[in-house]
Amino acid sequence: MMTVAAARQLRDGTACFVGIGLPSTAANLARATHAPRLVLVYESGCLGAKPDRLPLSIGDGILADTADTVVSVPEVFNYWLQPGRIDVGFLGGAQLDRYANINTTAIGDDYRDPRVRLPGAGGAPEIAASCREVVVVMRQSPRTFVERVDFVTSFGHGTGPGERQRLGLRGAGPQVVITDLGILRPDPASRELVLTELHPGATVEQARAATGWPLRVADDLRTGAPPTGPELTVLRALKAATRDAGAVG
């Protein structure tokens, strides 16, 4: 459901900065269903990749083989991402707070002696800063959806309205947060995340119990449509082709 919901956020004809894992699955699902002109941009420098299976890494040869062009990693960031030429970027994280700030650096109060040292930033801060909009995909629990992140790795909306503009960030920041329970979006005035949509079978009580702050719920809360037959068929075919490629490799 998370993959399908993420794929549905991608519009035909836009450029999407794609990471491996669920973002890549969602982007390739979208391109194979409702968004055939979606341009996939991978951090490895592959622009306009059109893989017929899910890549095993950003260095998977199928990306270069099917791309419109391949450029250097510095060019991806300096020419395409930082000037705001990418429409949508996907992000995940270990922690997310009510203003969609993301932590992938460290868990604990002391940065120099954390309880858990995480992988770090990678290209995520640049994606958060410069993509025209960001889609966050994370499983929802009190451990991941916290009142305040222990470290701001990727800037969301700071502490409220005007923060991104004050810092000179080009992009609009996280506009959608997709979880295993539903979809949250920032309130236009406060920039605080609000539950706007539930996945089929999920409840408001579950979403609130899985959130580390008093979760606001939209007055017009809706339930999203379940995955369609064609969506499931394409998704299963992509995953089967990837398994076969992994077995051959």
C-alpha atoms as a PDB file:
ATOM      1  CA  MET A   1       0.000   0.000   0.000  1.00  0.00           C
ATOM      2  CA  MET A   2       2.874   2.387   0.784  1.00  0.00           C
ATOM      3  CA  THR A   3       4.464   1.711  -2.603  1.00  0.00           C
ATOM      4  CA  VAL A   4       1.211   2.187  -4.497  1.00  0.00           C
ATOM      5  CA  ALA A   5       0.342   5.350  -2.554  1.00  0.00           C
ATOM      6  CA  ALA A   6       3.801   6.757  -3.293  1.00  0.00           C
ATOM      7  CA  ALA A   7       3.512   5.902  -6.986  1.00  0.00           C
ATOM      8  CA  ARG A   8       0.199   7.738  -7.187  1.00  0.00           C
ATOM      9  CA  GLN A   9       1.884  10.964  -6.047  1.00  0.00           C
ATOM     10  CA  LEU A  10       4.047  11.055  -9.189  1.00  0.00           C
ATOM     11  CA  ARG A  11       2.709  13.027 -12.120  1.00  0.00           C
ATOM     12  CA  ASP A  12       3.364  12.253 -15.767  1.00  0.00           C
ATOM     13  CA  GLY A  13       6.050  14.367 -17.405  1.00  0.00           C
ATOM     14  CA  THR A  14       7.824  15.361 -14.185  1.00  0.00           C
ATOM     15  CA  ALA A  15      11.394  14.605 -13.083  1.00  0.00           C
ATOM     16  CA  CYS A  16      11.847  12.452  -9.995  1.00  0.00           C
ATOM     17  CA  PHE A  17      15.049  11.987  -7.975  1.00  0.00           C
ATOM     18  CA  VAL A  18      14.959   8.301  -7.100  1.00  0.00           C
ATOM     19  CA  GLY A  19      16.654   6.280  -4.387  1.00  0.00           C
ATOM     20  CA  ILE A  20      16.948   2.514  -4.170  1.00  0.00           C
ATOM     21  CA  GLY A  21      14.271   0.621  -2.274  1.00  0.00           C
ATOM     22  CA  LEU A  22      10.676   1.710  -1.988  1.00  0.00           C
ATOM     23  CA  PRO A  23      11.210   5.038  -3.841  1.00  0.00           C
ATOM     24  CA  SER A  24      12.656   3.225  -6.850  1.00  0.00           C
ATOM     25  CA  THR A  25       9.836   0.681  -6.754  1.00  0.00           C
ATOM     26  CA  ALA A  26       7.207   3.423  -6.567  1.00  0.00           C
ATOM     27  CA  ALA A  27       8.778   5.462  -9.367  1.00  0.00           C
ATOM     28  CA  ASN A  28       9.073   2.494 -11.704  1.00  0.00           C
ATOM     29  CA  LEU A  29       5.509   1.441 -10.883  1.00  0.00           C
ATOM     30  CA  ALA A  30       4.283   4.939 -11.749  1.00  0.00           C
ATOM     31  CA  ARG A  31       6.230   4.973 -15.026  1.00  0.00           C
ATOM     32  CA  ALA A  32       4.773   1.594 -15.996  1.00  0.00           C
ATOM     33  CA  THR A  33       1.180   2.606 -15.211  1.00  0.00           C
ATOM     34  CA  HIS A  34      -0.156   6.180 -15.170  1.00  0.00           C
ATOM     35  CA  ALA A  35       3.025   8.210 -15.771  1.00  0.00           C
ATOM     36  CA  PRO A  36       4.859   6.822 -18.832  1.00  0.00           C
ATOM     37  CA  ARG A  37       6.749  10.116 -19.366  1.00  0.00           C
ATOM     38  CA  LEU A  38       8.066  10.260 -15.802  1.00  0.00           C
ATOM     39  CA  VAL A  39      11.809  11.053 -15.902  1.00  0.00           C
ATOM     40  CA  LEU A  40      13.786   8.967 -13.400  1.00  0.00           C
ATOM     41  CA  VAL A  41      16.998  10.563 -12.118  1.00  0.00           C
ATOM     42  CA  TYR A  42      19.373   8.403 -10.098  1.00  0.00           C
ATOM     43  CA  GLU A  43      22.185   9.756  -7.916  1.00  0.00           C
ATOM     44  CA  SER A  44      24.732   7.737  -9.903  1.00  0.00           C
ATOM     45  CA  GLY A  45      24.238  10.103 -12.850  1.00  0.00           C
ATOM     46  CA  CYS A  46      21.645   8.194 -14.882  1.00  0.00           C
ATOM     47  CA  LEU A  47      19.056  10.604 -16.288  1.00  0.00           C
ATOM     48  CA  GLY A  48      15.862   9.281 -17.831  1.00  0.00           C
ATOM     49  CA  ALA A  49      16.505   5.642 -16.904  1.00  0.00           C
ATOM     50  CA  LYS A  50      13.857   3.164 -18.112  1.00  0.00           C
ATOM     51  CA  PRO A  51      14.649  -0.171 -16.412  1.00  0.00           C
ATOM     52  CA  ASP A  52      12.332  -3.124 -17.043  1.00  0.00           C
ATOM     53  CA  ARG A  53      13.086  -4.420 -13.549  1.00  0.00           C
ATOM     54  CA  LEU A  54      13.983  -2.816 -10.235  1.00  0.00           C
ATOM     55  CA  PRO A  55      17.672  -1.870 -10.060  1.00  0.00           C
ATOM     56  CA  LEU A  56      19.678  -3.648  -7.381  1.00  0.00           C
ATOM     57  CA  SER A  57      21.655  -0.470  -6.568  1.00  0.00           C
ATOM     58  CA  ILE A  58      22.259   3.000  -7.989  1.00  0.00           C
ATOM     59  CA  GLY A  59      25.245   1.421  -9.761  1.00  0.00           C
ATOM     60  CA  ASP A  60      23.172  -1.281 -11.459  1.00  0.00           C
ATOM     61  CA  GLY A  61      24.126  -1.399 -15.146  1.00  0.00           C
ATOM     62  CA  ILE A  62      20.500  -1.497 -16.241  1.00  0.00           C
ATOM     63  CA  LEU A  63      20.190   2.165 -15.275  1.00  0.00           C
ATOM     64  CA  ALA A  64      23.033   3.316 -17.524  1.00  0.00           C
ATOM     65  CA  ASP A  65      21.958   0.948 -20.307  1.00  0.00           C
ATOM     66  CA  THR A  66      18.431   2.412 -20.425  1.00  0.00           C
ATOM     67  CA  ALA A  67      19.146   6.070 -19.557  1.00  0.00           C
ATOM     68  CA  ASP A  68      18.767   9.008 -21.932  1.00  0.00           C
ATOM     69  CA  THR A  69      22.218  10.098 -20.800  1.00  0.00           C
ATOM     70  CA  VAL A  70      24.741   9.448 -18.045  1.00  0.00           C
ATOM     71  CA  VAL A  71      26.515  12.326 -16.313  1.00  0.00           C
ATOM     72  CA  SER A  72      28.870  12.635 -13.355  1.00  0.00           C
ATOM     73  CA  VAL A  73      27.607  12.623  -9.770  1.00  0.00           C
ATOM     74  CA  PRO A  74      28.759  16.246  -9.222  1.00  0.00           C
ATOM     75  CA  GLU A  75      26.727  17.288 -12.281  1.00  0.00           C
ATOM     76  CA  VAL A  76      23.618  15.562 -10.927  1.00  0.00           C
ATOM     77  CA  PHE A  77      23.842  17.658  -7.788  1.00  0.00           C
ATOM     78  CA  ASN A  78      25.367  20.910  -9.061  1.00  0.00           C
ATOM     79  CA  TYR A  79      23.437  21.268 -12.322  1.00  0.00           C
ATOM     80  CA  TRP A  80      20.224  19.293 -11.915  1.00  0.00           C
ATOM     81  CA  LEU A  81      19.350  19.169  -8.215  1.00  0.00           C
ATOM     82  CA  GLN A  82      20.661  22.349  -6.584  1.00  0.00           C
ATOM     83  CA  PRO A  83      19.252  24.799  -9.199  1.00  0.00           C
ATOM     84  CA  GLY A  84      15.753  23.335  -8.703  1.00  0.00           C
ATOM     85  CA  ARG A  85      15.444  21.337 -11.932  1.00  0.00           C
ATOM     86  CA  ILE A  86      14.061  18.242 -10.161  1.00  0.00           C
ATOM     87  CA  ASP A  87      10.316  18.223  -9.495  1.00  0.00           C
ATOM     88  CA  VAL A  88      10.013  15.496  -6.858  1.00  0.00           C
ATOM     89  CA  GLY A  89      12.452  13.870  -4.458  1.00  0.00           C
ATOM     90  CA  PHE A  90      11.865  10.859  -2.226  1.00  0.00           C
ATOM     91  CA  LEU A  91      13.200  10.685   1.332  1.00  0.00           C
ATOM     92  CA  GLY A  92      12.973   8.342   4.305  1.00  0.00           C
ATOM     93  CA  GLY A  93      14.567   8.411   7.720  1.00  0.00           C
ATOM     94  CA  ALA A  94      14.910   7.068  11.222  1.00  0.00           C
ATOM     95  CA  GLN A  95      12.990   9.925  12.847  1.00  0.00           C
ATOM     96  CA  LEU A  96      10.469  12.501  11.632  1.00  0.00           C
ATOM     97  CA  ASP A  97       8.832  15.268  13.656  1.00  0.00           C
ATOM     98  CA  ARG A  98       5.596  17.221  13.363  1.00  0.00           C
ATOM     99  CA  TYR A  99       7.194  19.688  10.917  1.00  0.00           C
ATOM    100  CA  ALA A 100       8.624  16.934   8.692  1.00  0.00           C
ATOM    101  CA  ASN A 101      12.241  17.442   9.736  1.00  0.00           C
ATOM    102  CA  ILE A 102      14.167  14.189   9.215  1.00  0.00           C
ATOM    103  CA  ASN A 103      16.944  12.528  11.199  1.00  0.00           C
ATOM    104  CA  THR A 104      19.271   9.962   9.628  1.00  0.00           C
ATOM    105  CA  THR A 105      22.349  10.904  11.654  1.00  0.00           C
ATOM    106  CA  ALA A 106      22.154   9.909  15.335  1.00  0.00           C
ATOM    107  CA  ILE A 107      19.682   8.871  18.041  1.00  0.00           C
ATOM    108  CA  GLY A 108      20.286  10.391  21.469  1.00  0.00           C
ATOM    109  CA  ASP A 109      20.865  13.760  23.121  1.00  0.00           C
ATOM    110  CA  ASP A 110      24.651  13.748  22.729  1.00  0.00           C
ATOM    111  CA  TYR A 111      25.835  13.869  19.112  1.00  0.00           C
ATOM    112  CA  ARG A 112      29.352  12.793  20.121  1.00  0.00           C
ATOM    113  CA  ASP A 113      28.091   9.859  22.183  1.00  0.00           C
ATOM    114  CA  PRO A 114      24.726   8.814  20.703  1.00  0.00           C
ATOM    115  CA  ARG A 115      22.705   5.761  21.612  1.00  0.00           C
ATOM    116  CA  VAL A 116      22.670   4.845  17.914  1.00  0.00           C
ATOM    117  CA  ARG A 117      24.906   6.159  15.137  1.00  0.00           C
ATOM    118  CA  LEU A 118      22.956   6.149  11.857  1.00  0.00           C
ATOM    119  CA  PRO A 119      24.257   6.083   8.248  1.00  0.00           C
ATOM    120  CA  GLY A 120      24.195   9.867   7.915  1.00  0.00           C
ATOM    121  CA  ALA A 121      23.102  12.388   5.338  1.00  0.00           C
ATOM    122  CA  GLY A 122      24.230  11.263   1.896  1.00  0.00           C
ATOM    123  CA  GLY A 123      22.431  13.404  -0.658  1.00  0.00           C
ATOM    124  CA  ALA A 124      19.268  13.757   1.434  1.00  0.00           C
ATOM    125  CA  PRO A 125      19.853  17.337   2.692  1.00  0.00           C
ATOM    126  CA  GLU A 126      20.274  18.532  -0.899  1.00  0.00           C
ATOM    127  CA  ILE A 127      17.107  16.734  -1.954  1.00  0.00           C
ATOM    128  CA  ALA A 128      15.201  18.264   0.972  1.00  0.00           C
ATOM    129  CA  ALA A 129      16.556  21.723   0.201  1.00  0.00           C
ATOM    130  CA  SER A 130      16.278  21.902  -3.570  1.00  0.00           C
ATOM    131  CA  CYS A 131      13.643  19.598  -5.051  1.00  0.00           C
ATOM    132  CA  ARG A 132      10.483  21.471  -5.913  1.00  0.00           C
ATOM    133  CA  GLU A 133       8.648  19.140  -3.552  1.00  0.00           C
ATOM    134  CA  VAL A 134       9.551  16.165  -1.375  1.00  0.00           C
ATOM    135  CA  VAL A 135       7.672  12.935  -0.665  1.00  0.00           C
ATOM    136  CA  VAL A 136       8.628  11.218   2.591  1.00  0.00           C
ATOM    137  CA  VAL A 137       7.993   7.494   2.995  1.00  0.00           C
ATOM    138  CA  MET A 138       8.312   6.000   6.507  1.00  0.00           C
ATOM    139  CA  ARG A 139       6.638   3.417   8.688  1.00  0.00           C
ATOM    140  CA  GLN A 140       4.707   5.101  11.473  1.00  0.00           C
ATOM    141  CA  SER A 141       5.450   4.396  15.142  1.00  0.00           C
ATOM    142  CA  PRO A 142       6.154   6.433  18.306  1.00  0.00           C
ATOM    143  CA  ARG A 143       9.835   5.605  17.823  1.00  0.00           C
ATOM    144  CA  THR A 144       9.972   7.083  14.304  1.00  0.00           C
ATOM    145  CA  PHE A 145       7.325   9.839  14.543  1.00  0.00           C
ATOM    146  CA  VAL A 146       8.721  11.899  17.409  1.00  0.00           C
ATOM    147  CA  GLU A 147       7.894  15.254  18.999  1.00  0.00           C
ATOM    148  CA  ARG A 148      11.311  16.588  18.026  1.00  0.00           C
ATOM    149  CA  VAL A 149      14.048  14.839  16.056  1.00  0.00           C
ATOM    150  CA  ASP A 150      17.344  14.308  17.899  1.00  0.00           C
ATOM    151  CA  PHE A 151      19.268  15.724  14.918  1.00  0.00           C
ATOM    152  CA  VAL A 152      18.027  17.610  11.857  1.00  0.00           C
ATOM    153  CA  THR A 153      19.716  15.873   8.940  1.00  0.00           C
ATOM    154  CA  SER A 154      17.236  16.959   6.270  1.00  0.00           C
ATOM    155  CA  PHE A 155      15.292  20.177   6.804  1.00  0.00           C
ATOM    156  CA  GLY A 156      11.537  19.949   6.483  1.00  0.00           C
ATOM    157  CA  HIS A 157       9.612  22.979   7.697  1.00  0.00           C
ATOM    158  CA  GLY A 158      11.802  23.803  10.689  1.00  0.00           C
ATOM    159  CA  THR A 159       9.565  25.066  13.462  1.00  0.00           C
ATOM    160  CA  GLY A 160       6.819  26.454  11.279  1.00  0.00           C
ATOM    161  CA  PRO A 161       5.944  28.879   8.479  1.00  0.00           C
ATOM    162  CA  GLY A 162       8.652  31.012   6.931  1.00  0.00           C
ATOM    163  CA  GLU A 163      11.573  28.884   8.115  1.00  0.00           C
ATOM    164  CA  ARG A 164      12.534  27.565   4.679  1.00  0.00           C
ATOM    165  CA  GLN A 165      12.363  31.022   3.151  1.00  0.00           C
ATOM    166  CA  ARG A 166      14.480  32.467   5.967  1.00  0.00           C
ATOM    167  CA  LEU A 167      17.213  29.937   5.219  1.00  0.00           C
ATOM    168  CA  GLY A 168      17.025  30.518   1.473  1.00  0.00           C
ATOM    169  CA  LEU A 169      15.965  26.973   0.619  1.00  0.00           C
ATOM    170  CA  ARG A 170      14.797  26.691  -2.968  1.00  0.00           C
ATOM    171  CA  GLY A 171      12.253  23.873  -2.770  1.00  0.00           C
ATOM    172  CA  ALA A 172       8.852  23.712  -1.077  1.00  0.00           C
ATOM    173  CA  GLY A 173       9.958  20.893   1.223  1.00  0.00           C
ATOM    174  CA  PRO A 174       7.928  17.831   2.246  1.00  0.00           C
ATOM    175  CA  GLN A 175       4.409  18.051   0.839  1.00  0.00           C
ATOM    176  CA  VAL A 176       3.358  14.452   1.464  1.00  0.00           C
ATOM    177  CA  VAL A 177       4.323  11.925   4.134  1.00  0.00           C
ATOM    178  CA  ILE A 178       3.252   8.370   3.323  1.00  0.00           C
ATOM    179  CA  THR A 179       3.181   5.769   6.090  1.00  0.00           C
ATOM    180  CA  ASP A 180       1.883   2.256   6.512  1.00  0.00           C
ATOM    181  CA  LEU A 181      -1.305   3.755   8.003  1.00  0.00           C
ATOM    182  CA  GLY A 182      -2.079   6.719   5.813  1.00  0.00           C
ATOM    183  CA  ILE A 183      -0.962  10.034   4.345  1.00  0.00           C
ATOM    184  CA  LEU A 184      -0.054  13.257   6.138  1.00  0.00           C
ATOM    185  CA  ARG A 185       0.316  16.720   4.616  1.00  0.00           C
ATOM    186  CA  PRO A 186       1.527  20.024   6.085  1.00  0.00           C
ATOM    187  CA  ASP A 187      -1.102  22.493   7.185  1.00  0.00           C
ATOM    188  CA  PRO A 188      -0.903  25.506   4.824  1.00  0.00           C
ATOM    189  CA  ALA A 189      -0.744  27.959   7.729  1.00  0.00           C
ATOM    190  CA  SER A 190       1.185  26.219  10.520  1.00  0.00           C
ATOM    191  CA  ARG A 191       3.195  23.717   8.379  1.00  0.00           C
ATOM    192  CA  GLU A 192       2.425  21.040  11.008  1.00  0.00           C
ATOM    193  CA  LEU A 193       1.676  17.598   9.582  1.00  0.00           C
ATOM    194  CA  VAL A 194      -2.010  16.694   9.473  1.00  0.00           C
ATOM    195  CA  LEU A 195      -3.504  13.258   8.767  1.00  0.00           C
ATOM    196  CA  THR A 196      -5.498  13.710   5.562  1.00  0.00           C
ATOM    197  CA  GLU A 197      -5.954  10.150   4.337  1.00  0.00           C
ATOM    198  CA  LEU A 198      -6.124   6.654   5.818  1.00  0.00           C
ATOM    199  CA  HIS A 199      -5.166   3.487   3.999  1.00  0.00           C
ATOM    200  CA  PRO A 200      -7.962   0.913   3.712  1.00  0.00           C
ATOM    201  CA  GLY A 201      -8.380  -0.860   7.065  1.00  0.00           C
ATOM    202  CA  ALA A 202      -6.448   1.693   9.134  1.00  0.00           C
ATOM    203  CA  THR A 203      -8.068   3.858  11.805  1.00  0.00           C
ATOM    204  CA  VAL A 204      -7.499   7.293  13.318  1.00  0.00           C
ATOM    205  CA  GLU A 205      -6.878   5.637  16.682  1.00  0.00           C
ATOM    206  CA  GLN A 206      -4.056   3.557  15.186  1.00  0.00           C
ATOM    207  CA  ALA A 207      -2.486   6.617  13.564  1.00  0.00           C
ATOM    208  CA  ARG A 208      -2.625   8.645  16.783  1.00  0.00           C
ATOM    209  CA  ALA A 209      -1.201   5.770  18.830  1.00  0.00           C
ATOM    210  CA  ALA A 210       1.691   5.510  16.363  1.00  0.00           C
ATOM    211  CA  THR A 211       2.584   9.212  16.598  1.00  0.00           C
ATOM    212  CA  GLY A 212       4.789  10.843  19.237  1.00  0.00           C
ATOM    213  CA  TRP A 213       2.858  14.128  19.254  1.00  0.00           C
ATOM    214  CA  PRO A 214      -0.879  14.986  19.380  1.00  0.00           C
ATOM    215  CA  LEU A 215      -1.714  14.212  15.766  1.00  0.00           C
ATOM    216  CA  ARG A 216      -4.120  16.558  14.045  1.00  0.00           C
ATOM    217  CA  VAL A 217      -6.743  15.009  11.759  1.00  0.00           C
ATOM    218  CA  ALA A 218      -8.257  16.775   8.769  1.00  0.00           C
ATOM    219  CA  ASP A 219     -11.956  17.579   8.902  1.00  0.00           C
ATOM    220  CA  ASP A 220     -12.348  16.031   5.456  1.00  0.00           C
ATOM    221  CA  LEU A 221     -10.318  12.891   6.252  1.00  0.00           C
ATOM    222  CA  ARG A 222     -10.757  10.315   3.512  1.00  0.00           C
ATOM    223  CA  THR A 223      -9.876   6.679   2.934  1.00  0.00           C
ATOM    224  CA  GLY A 224      -7.645   6.015  -0.043  1.00  0.00           C
ATOM    225  CA  ALA A 225      -8.500   3.565  -2.784  1.00  0.00           C
ATOM    226  CA  PRO A 226      -6.964   0.095  -2.430  1.00  0.00           C
ATOM    227  CA  PRO A 227      -4.389  -1.039  -5.000  1.00  0.00           C
ATOM    228  CA  THR A 228      -5.955  -1.821  -8.359  1.00  0.00           C
ATOM    229  CA  GLY A 229      -5.501  -5.032 -10.306  1.00  0.00           C
ATOM    230  CA  PRO A 230      -3.206  -3.430 -12.899  1.00  0.00           C
ATOM    231  CA  GLU A 231      -1.083  -1.789 -10.188  1.00  0.00           C
ATOM    232  CA  LEU A 232      -0.595  -5.106  -8.398  1.00  0.00           C
ATOM    233  CA  THR A 233       0.147  -6.936 -11.647  1.00  0.00           C
ATOM    234  CA  VAL A 234       2.881  -4.466 -12.635  1.00  0.00           C
ATOM    235  CA  LEU A 235       4.321  -4.353  -9.114  1.00  0.00           C
ATOM    236  CA  ARG A 236       4.561  -8.140  -8.899  1.00  0.00           C
ATOM    237  CA  ALA A 237       6.115  -8.341 -12.361  1.00  0.00           C
ATOM    238  CA  LEU A 238       8.784  -5.778 -11.432  1.00  0.00           C
ATOM    239  CA  LYS A 239       9.654  -7.654  -8.255  1.00  0.00           C
ATOM    240  CA  ALA A 240       9.722 -11.031 -10.022  1.00  0.00           C
ATOM    241  CA  ALA A 241      12.064  -9.690 -12.698  1.00  0.00           C
ATOM    242  CA  THR A 242      14.329  -8.290  -9.993  1.00  0.00           C
ATOM    243  CA  ARG A 243      14.444 -11.620  -8.154  1.00  0.00           C
ATOM    244  CA  ASP A 244      15.372 -13.362 -11.399  1.00  0.00           C
ATOM    245  CA  ALA A 245      18.138 -10.835 -12.070  1.00  0.00           C
ATOM    246  CA  GLY A 246      19.497 -11.307  -8.562  1.00  0.00           C
ATOM    247  CA  ALA A 247      19.495 -15.081  -8.965  1.00  0.00           C
ATOM    248  CA  VAL A 248      21.352 -14.834 -12.277  1.00  0.00           C
ATOM    249  CA  GLY A 249      23.844 -12.369 -10.830  1.00  0.00           C
END
